[in-house]
Amino acid sequence: MLLSIITPTFNRGYCLEKLYESLISIGSDEFEWILVDDGSTDNTVLLAGKWQEQKNINFRFIKQSNLGKTNAVIRAFNSDPTGKYSVVLDSDDILVPDALRLIKEKLIELQADEIGLSFLKSDTKGQIIGSEFKLASSSYIDLYFGKNRCFGDKLFVIKTSVYKNSLVPAYPGEKLIPEGVMYLNMQIWGKFRCINRIIYYGDYLNDGLSNSIIKLAAENINGFILEKRMLQLEPLSFTDSIKNDIKYLCYCLAGKKSWKEIFLYSRNKVLLGLLIMPTCILSWRRISAIRDIISEKHINQKL
């Protein structure tokens, strides 16, 4: 099979129907849809049961307790996807009708050093979210941090074996590893072919992961620290290095990490030391807000 479409979902029954209908409209048996229900309490199970009976597409349904998006995606990849390539598609996103045709057309153009494709996203009004690509082929770092960087969400169609081997499980007590960690890991296998075509669309919902970065960081502080720590090892520009180190310090201070641990994994310890005071001045409100959420979480766990 050509493609495995993986969708982690939590209480998104109200928008899953649209995604299902869009997949039916593709009208092909060259893809499978793996829906992972991350402990939903709504009508997701009923919908999945109906779709299994209808057999309109190659559909697999996996249900697990509420372990978070990262672990739901890992669960899907551990279920042996049959597609040579895979894409993780959120429950509130919709593929355009000719998505599979476009993917097949562009996969033929892949070079030996490329592991997959990257496409554009638009909102439901057709406006591109972020910016177009300025490079035809790019690593993750060049794509988002280089001189010709792009902005905004993109859809990645990646070799299934590479996807699976790039995933990192969430830390104990947490539910999310930022996707940047996965894409940074992918760099050892190759680059992405960048396609300036809109292949999916969607609007940001109030219950989406992007809605509150402070709350998300507080609930997954070790995962956020990991991403910034990995970026410290990449060839970022001086300006991007400073921005990343400030965020790294912010999350470490919010998570009450020891100074020994903070400096142990840092490549440029001098620069990091010089940024301590500016970080405290610029980010103390954020640090305090994250700490408050973490403290409240610990209190609730003890009750």
Protein backbone atom coordinates (compact mmCIF):
# COMPACT_ATOMS: atom_id res chain seq x y z
CA MET A 1 0.00 0.00 0.00
CA LEU A 2 1.19 3.51 -0.77
CA LEU A 3 0.06 5.60 2.20
CA SER A 4 -0.93 5.26 5.85
CA ILE A 5 -2.89 8.21 7.25
CA ILE A 6 -2.64 8.33 11.05
CA THR A 7 -5.03 10.44 13.12
CA PRO A 8 -4.78 10.70 16.91
CA THR A 9 -8.00 12.03 18.43
CA PHE A 10 -9.46 12.99 21.78
CA ASN A 11 -13.12 14.01 22.06
CA ARG A 12 -13.21 15.20 18.46
CA GLY A 13 -16.25 13.26 17.27
CA TYR A 14 -17.86 16.51 16.21
CA CYS A 15 -15.25 17.10 13.49
CA LEU A 16 -14.16 13.55 12.60
CA GLU A 17 -17.13 13.11 10.27
CA LYS A 18 -15.76 15.79 7.91
CA LEU A 19 -12.37 14.12 7.82
CA TYR A 20 -13.96 10.76 7.09
CA GLU A 21 -16.02 12.19 4.24
CA SER A 22 -12.92 13.81 2.74
CA LEU A 23 -11.10 10.49 2.77
CA ILE A 24 -14.03 8.75 1.07
CA SER A 25 -13.99 11.42 -1.64
CA ILE A 26 -10.41 10.49 -2.54
CA GLY A 27 -11.87 7.27 -3.94
CA SER A 28 -8.83 4.99 -3.80
CA ASP A 29 -7.75 1.78 -2.09
CA GLU A 30 -4.09 2.85 -2.09
CA PHE A 31 -4.27 4.29 1.41
CA GLU A 32 -5.38 3.23 4.88
CA TRP A 33 -6.70 5.37 7.71
CA ILE A 34 -5.61 4.50 11.23
CA LEU A 35 -7.67 6.35 13.83
CA VAL A 36 -6.31 6.23 17.39
CA ASP A 37 -8.84 7.20 20.05
CA ASP A 38 -6.88 8.59 22.99
CA GLY A 39 -9.45 7.89 25.71
CA SER A 40 -12.36 9.90 24.28
CA THR A 41 -15.60 10.08 26.24
CA ASP A 42 -17.76 11.38 23.36
CA ASN A 43 -19.25 9.52 20.38
CA THR A 44 -15.94 8.62 18.72
CA VAL A 45 -16.33 4.88 19.38
CA LEU A 46 -19.82 4.88 17.87
CA LEU A 47 -18.61 6.69 14.76
CA ALA A 48 -15.69 4.31 14.33
CA GLY A 49 -17.99 1.30 14.67
CA LYS A 50 -20.26 2.68 11.96
CA TRP A 51 -17.33 3.30 9.59
CA GLN A 52 -15.98 -0.19 10.18
CA GLU A 53 -19.33 -1.63 9.15
CA GLN A 54 -19.59 0.57 6.06
CA LYS A 55 -16.18 -0.52 4.73
CA ASN A 56 -15.95 2.49 2.42
CA ILE A 57 -12.19 2.81 2.96
CA ASN A 58 -9.34 0.79 4.44
CA PHE A 59 -9.98 1.74 8.06
CA ARG A 60 -8.46 0.63 11.33
CA PHE A 61 -9.55 1.80 14.77
CA ILE A 62 -7.39 1.67 17.88
CA LYS A 63 -8.59 2.70 21.33
CA GLN A 64 -6.32 3.44 24.27
CA SER A 65 -6.50 5.18 27.62
CA ASN A 66 -5.74 8.90 27.64
CA LEU A 67 -1.95 8.92 27.15
CA GLY A 68 -1.67 11.97 24.87
CA LYS A 69 -1.06 12.69 21.20
CA THR A 70 2.57 11.58 21.10
CA ASN A 71 1.88 8.16 22.58
CA ALA A 72 -1.22 7.77 20.38
CA VAL A 73 0.91 8.32 17.27
CA ILE A 74 3.50 5.83 18.54
CA ARG A 75 0.71 3.32 19.17
CA ALA A 76 -0.38 3.68 15.53
CA PHE A 77 3.14 3.12 14.20
CA ASN A 78 3.56 0.10 16.48
CA SER A 79 0.43 -1.41 14.88
CA ASP A 80 2.41 -2.07 11.68
CA PRO A 81 1.07 0.46 9.16
CA THR A 82 0.98 -1.06 5.69
CA GLY A 83 1.79 2.14 3.78
CA LYS A 84 5.29 2.68 2.41
CA TYR A 85 4.79 6.34 3.36
CA SER A 86 2.88 7.82 6.27
CA VAL A 87 1.29 11.12 7.24
CA VAL A 88 -0.03 12.24 10.63
CA LEU A 89 -3.24 14.16 9.99
CA ASP A 90 -5.00 15.92 12.86
CA SER A 91 -8.69 15.29 13.43
CA ASP A 92 -9.64 18.86 12.48
CA ASP A 93 -7.76 18.84 9.16
CA ILE A 94 -9.20 17.97 5.75
CA LEU A 95 -7.32 16.66 2.72
CA VAL A 96 -8.08 18.22 -0.66
CA PRO A 97 -9.85 15.84 -3.11
CA ASP A 98 -6.79 15.30 -5.32
CA ALA A 99 -4.38 14.82 -2.39
CA LEU A 100 -3.45 11.22 -3.17
CA ARG A 101 -2.90 11.94 -6.86
CA LEU A 102 -0.62 14.84 -5.96
CA ILE A 103 1.32 12.75 -3.47
CA LYS A 104 1.86 9.96 -6.01
CA GLU A 105 2.95 12.45 -8.63
CA LYS A 106 5.53 14.10 -6.39
CA LEU A 107 6.89 10.91 -4.79
CA ILE A 108 8.19 9.90 -8.22
CA GLU A 109 10.41 13.00 -8.16
CA LEU A 110 12.14 12.13 -4.86
CA GLN A 111 15.94 12.11 -4.96
CA ALA A 112 18.18 9.61 -3.18
CA ASP A 113 18.81 12.01 -0.27
CA GLU A 114 15.10 12.80 0.29
CA ILE A 115 12.85 10.94 2.72
CA GLY A 116 9.51 12.47 1.83
CA LEU A 117 7.40 15.45 0.88
CA SER A 118 6.22 18.63 2.58
CA PHE A 119 3.06 20.46 1.47
CA LEU A 120 1.25 23.69 2.32
CA LYS A 121 -1.81 24.17 4.50
CA SER A 122 -4.61 26.72 4.12
CA ASP A 123 -7.52 27.84 6.26
CA THR A 124 -11.07 27.00 5.23
CA LYS A 125 -11.19 30.21 3.17
CA GLY A 126 -8.25 29.10 1.02
CA GLN A 127 -5.62 31.43 2.51
CA ILE A 128 -2.19 29.83 3.01
CA ILE A 129 -1.30 29.41 6.67
CA GLY A 130 2.22 30.74 7.12
CA SER A 131 4.32 31.09 3.98
CA GLU A 132 5.31 29.23 0.84
CA PHE A 133 8.55 27.29 0.55
CA LYS A 134 11.62 29.09 -0.75
CA LEU A 135 13.64 25.91 -1.22
CA ALA A 136 12.94 22.90 -3.41
CA SER A 137 14.59 20.51 -0.97
CA SER A 138 15.44 21.16 2.65
CA SER A 139 16.39 19.72 6.02
CA TYR A 140 14.17 20.58 8.99
CA ILE A 141 16.68 23.14 10.31
CA ASP A 142 17.00 24.93 6.97
CA LEU A 143 13.23 24.79 6.54
CA TYR A 144 12.40 26.60 9.79
CA PHE A 145 15.66 28.27 10.88
CA GLY A 146 17.72 28.90 7.74
CA LYS A 147 18.03 32.06 5.64
CA ASN A 148 15.25 30.79 3.36
CA ARG A 149 12.99 29.64 6.15
CA CYS A 150 9.25 29.23 5.88
CA PHE A 151 6.54 29.72 8.48
CA GLY A 152 3.38 27.97 9.54
CA ASP A 153 2.04 24.42 9.61
CA LYS A 154 3.02 22.03 6.83
CA LEU A 155 1.99 18.47 6.02
CA PHE A 156 4.82 15.93 5.86
CA VAL A 157 4.53 12.67 3.91
CA ILE A 158 7.47 10.60 5.13
CA LYS A 159 8.78 7.07 4.65
CA THR A 160 7.02 4.98 7.30
CA SER A 161 10.24 3.40 8.57
CA VAL A 162 11.82 6.85 9.08
CA TYR A 163 8.70 8.19 10.81
CA LYS A 164 8.60 5.28 13.23
CA ASN A 165 12.30 5.41 14.08
CA SER A 166 12.18 9.17 14.71
CA LEU A 167 9.45 9.13 17.38
CA VAL A 168 10.20 9.68 21.07
CA PRO A 169 7.68 8.66 23.77
CA ALA A 170 6.37 11.28 26.16
CA TYR A 171 8.03 11.54 29.56
CA PRO A 172 6.32 9.80 32.51
CA GLY A 173 3.45 11.96 33.73
CA GLU A 174 3.42 13.92 30.45
CA LYS A 175 1.52 13.43 27.18
CA LEU A 176 3.40 15.32 24.47
CA ILE A 177 6.79 15.60 22.85
CA PRO A 178 6.96 18.67 20.53
CA GLU A 179 6.96 17.56 16.90
CA GLY A 180 10.24 19.39 16.33
CA VAL A 181 12.02 16.58 18.21
CA MET A 182 10.78 14.05 15.67
CA TYR A 183 11.74 16.21 12.68
CA LEU A 184 15.19 16.87 14.14
CA ASN A 185 15.69 13.11 14.48
CA MET A 186 14.66 12.62 10.84
CA GLN A 187 17.59 14.70 9.60
CA ILE A 188 20.00 11.76 9.82
CA TRP A 189 18.01 10.00 7.08
CA GLY A 190 17.59 12.87 4.64
CA LYS A 191 15.75 15.96 3.47
CA PHE A 192 12.18 16.89 2.51
CA ARG A 193 11.06 17.69 -1.03
CA CYS A 194 9.12 20.97 -0.65
CA ILE A 195 5.97 21.37 -2.71
CA ASN A 196 4.21 24.74 -3.00
CA ARG A 197 0.79 23.21 -3.29
CA ILE A 198 -2.04 23.25 -0.74
CA ILE A 199 -2.85 19.66 0.16
CA TYR A 200 -4.93 20.14 3.30
CA TYR A 201 -6.87 22.80 5.14
CA GLY A 202 -8.40 23.59 8.51
CA ASP A 203 -8.96 26.29 11.10
CA TYR A 204 -7.50 26.34 14.59
CA LEU A 205 -10.13 25.19 17.10
CA ASN A 206 -10.58 26.33 20.70
CA ASP A 207 -9.77 22.83 22.01
CA GLY A 208 -6.68 22.40 19.82
CA LEU A 209 -3.14 21.90 21.10
CA SER A 210 -2.05 25.27 19.72
CA ASN A 211 -4.58 27.19 21.79
CA SER A 212 -2.48 27.69 24.95
CA ILE A 213 1.27 27.26 24.68
CA ILE A 214 1.80 28.11 28.38
CA LYS A 215 -0.57 25.38 29.54
CA LEU A 216 0.88 22.94 27.03
CA ALA A 217 4.44 23.66 28.19
CA ALA A 218 3.48 23.33 31.85
CA GLU A 219 1.88 19.94 31.30
CA ASN A 220 4.82 18.68 29.19
CA ILE A 221 7.76 20.65 30.54
CA ASN A 222 10.39 17.93 30.04
CA GLY A 223 9.37 17.45 26.43
CA PHE A 224 9.65 21.19 25.77
CA ILE A 225 13.08 21.29 27.40
CA LEU A 226 14.21 18.35 25.26
CA GLU A 227 13.32 20.16 22.03
CA LYS A 228 15.24 23.31 23.00
CA ARG A 229 18.19 21.23 24.19
CA MET A 230 18.34 19.43 20.83
CA LEU A 231 18.20 22.75 18.98
CA GLN A 232 21.24 23.91 20.96
CA LEU A 233 23.24 21.30 19.06
CA GLU A 234 22.14 22.54 15.65
CA PRO A 235 23.91 25.17 13.48
CA LEU A 236 21.51 28.02 14.24
CA SER A 237 22.28 31.65 13.51
CA PHE A 238 23.50 33.76 16.44
CA THR A 239 20.09 35.41 16.77
CA ASP A 240 18.22 32.08 16.66
CA SER A 241 20.66 30.61 19.18
CA ILE A 242 19.92 33.42 21.63
CA LYS A 243 16.16 33.04 21.16
CA ASN A 244 16.39 29.28 21.64
CA ASP A 245 18.62 29.59 24.74
CA ILE A 246 16.19 32.05 26.32
CA LYS A 247 13.32 29.63 25.75
CA TYR A 248 15.47 26.78 27.07
CA LEU A 249 16.27 28.72 30.24
CA CYS A 250 12.64 29.76 30.59
CA TYR A 251 11.40 26.17 30.52
CA CYS A 252 14.23 24.90 32.75
CA LEU A 253 13.57 27.58 35.37
CA ALA A 254 9.83 26.95 35.17
CA GLY A 255 10.50 23.25 35.67
CA LYS A 256 12.86 24.05 38.57
CA LYS A 257 15.80 22.22 37.03
CA SER A 258 19.12 22.43 38.86
CA TRP A 259 21.84 24.70 37.48
CA LYS A 260 24.04 21.64 37.08
CA GLU A 261 21.47 19.98 34.83
CA ILE A 262 20.78 23.19 32.90
CA PHE A 263 24.44 23.71 31.99
CA LEU A 264 25.37 20.03 31.60
CA TYR A 265 23.65 19.66 28.23
CA SER A 266 24.39 23.14 26.87
CA ARG A 267 26.96 23.53 24.09
CA ASN A 268 27.66 27.25 24.66
CA LYS A 269 27.80 27.56 28.44
CA VAL A 270 29.22 31.11 28.38
CA LEU A 271 26.37 32.45 26.23
CA LEU A 272 23.83 30.60 28.36
CA GLY A 273 25.27 32.15 31.52
CA LEU A 274 25.07 35.64 30.05
CA LEU A 275 21.41 35.08 29.19
CA ILE A 276 20.25 34.12 32.69
CA MET A 277 19.48 37.66 33.85
CA PRO A 278 17.79 38.79 30.58
CA THR A 279 15.68 35.63 30.64
CA CYS A 280 14.53 36.28 34.20
CA ILE A 281 13.63 39.87 33.32
CA LEU A 282 11.91 39.14 30.01
CA SER A 283 10.24 35.84 30.83
CA TRP A 284 9.45 35.90 34.54
CA ARG A 285 5.70 36.20 34.02
CA ARG A 286 5.75 33.18 31.73
CA ILE A 287 8.00 31.25 34.11
CA SER A 288 5.68 32.02 37.02
CA ALA A 289 2.57 31.11 35.04
CA ILE A 290 4.05 27.74 34.05
CA ARG A 291 5.17 27.06 37.61
CA ASP A 292 1.69 27.81 38.93
CA ILE A 293 0.12 25.31 36.52
CA ILE A 294 2.72 22.66 37.40
CA SER A 295 2.12 23.21 41.12
CA GLU A 296 -1.64 22.96 40.67
CA LYS A 297 -1.15 19.73 38.70
CA HIS A 298 0.94 18.22 41.51
CA ILE A 299 -1.65 19.23 44.12
CA ASN A 300 -4.45 17.65 42.10
CA GLN A 301 -2.45 14.43 41.71
CA LYS A 302 -2.12 14.15 45.50
CA LEU A 303 -5.87 14.61 46.12
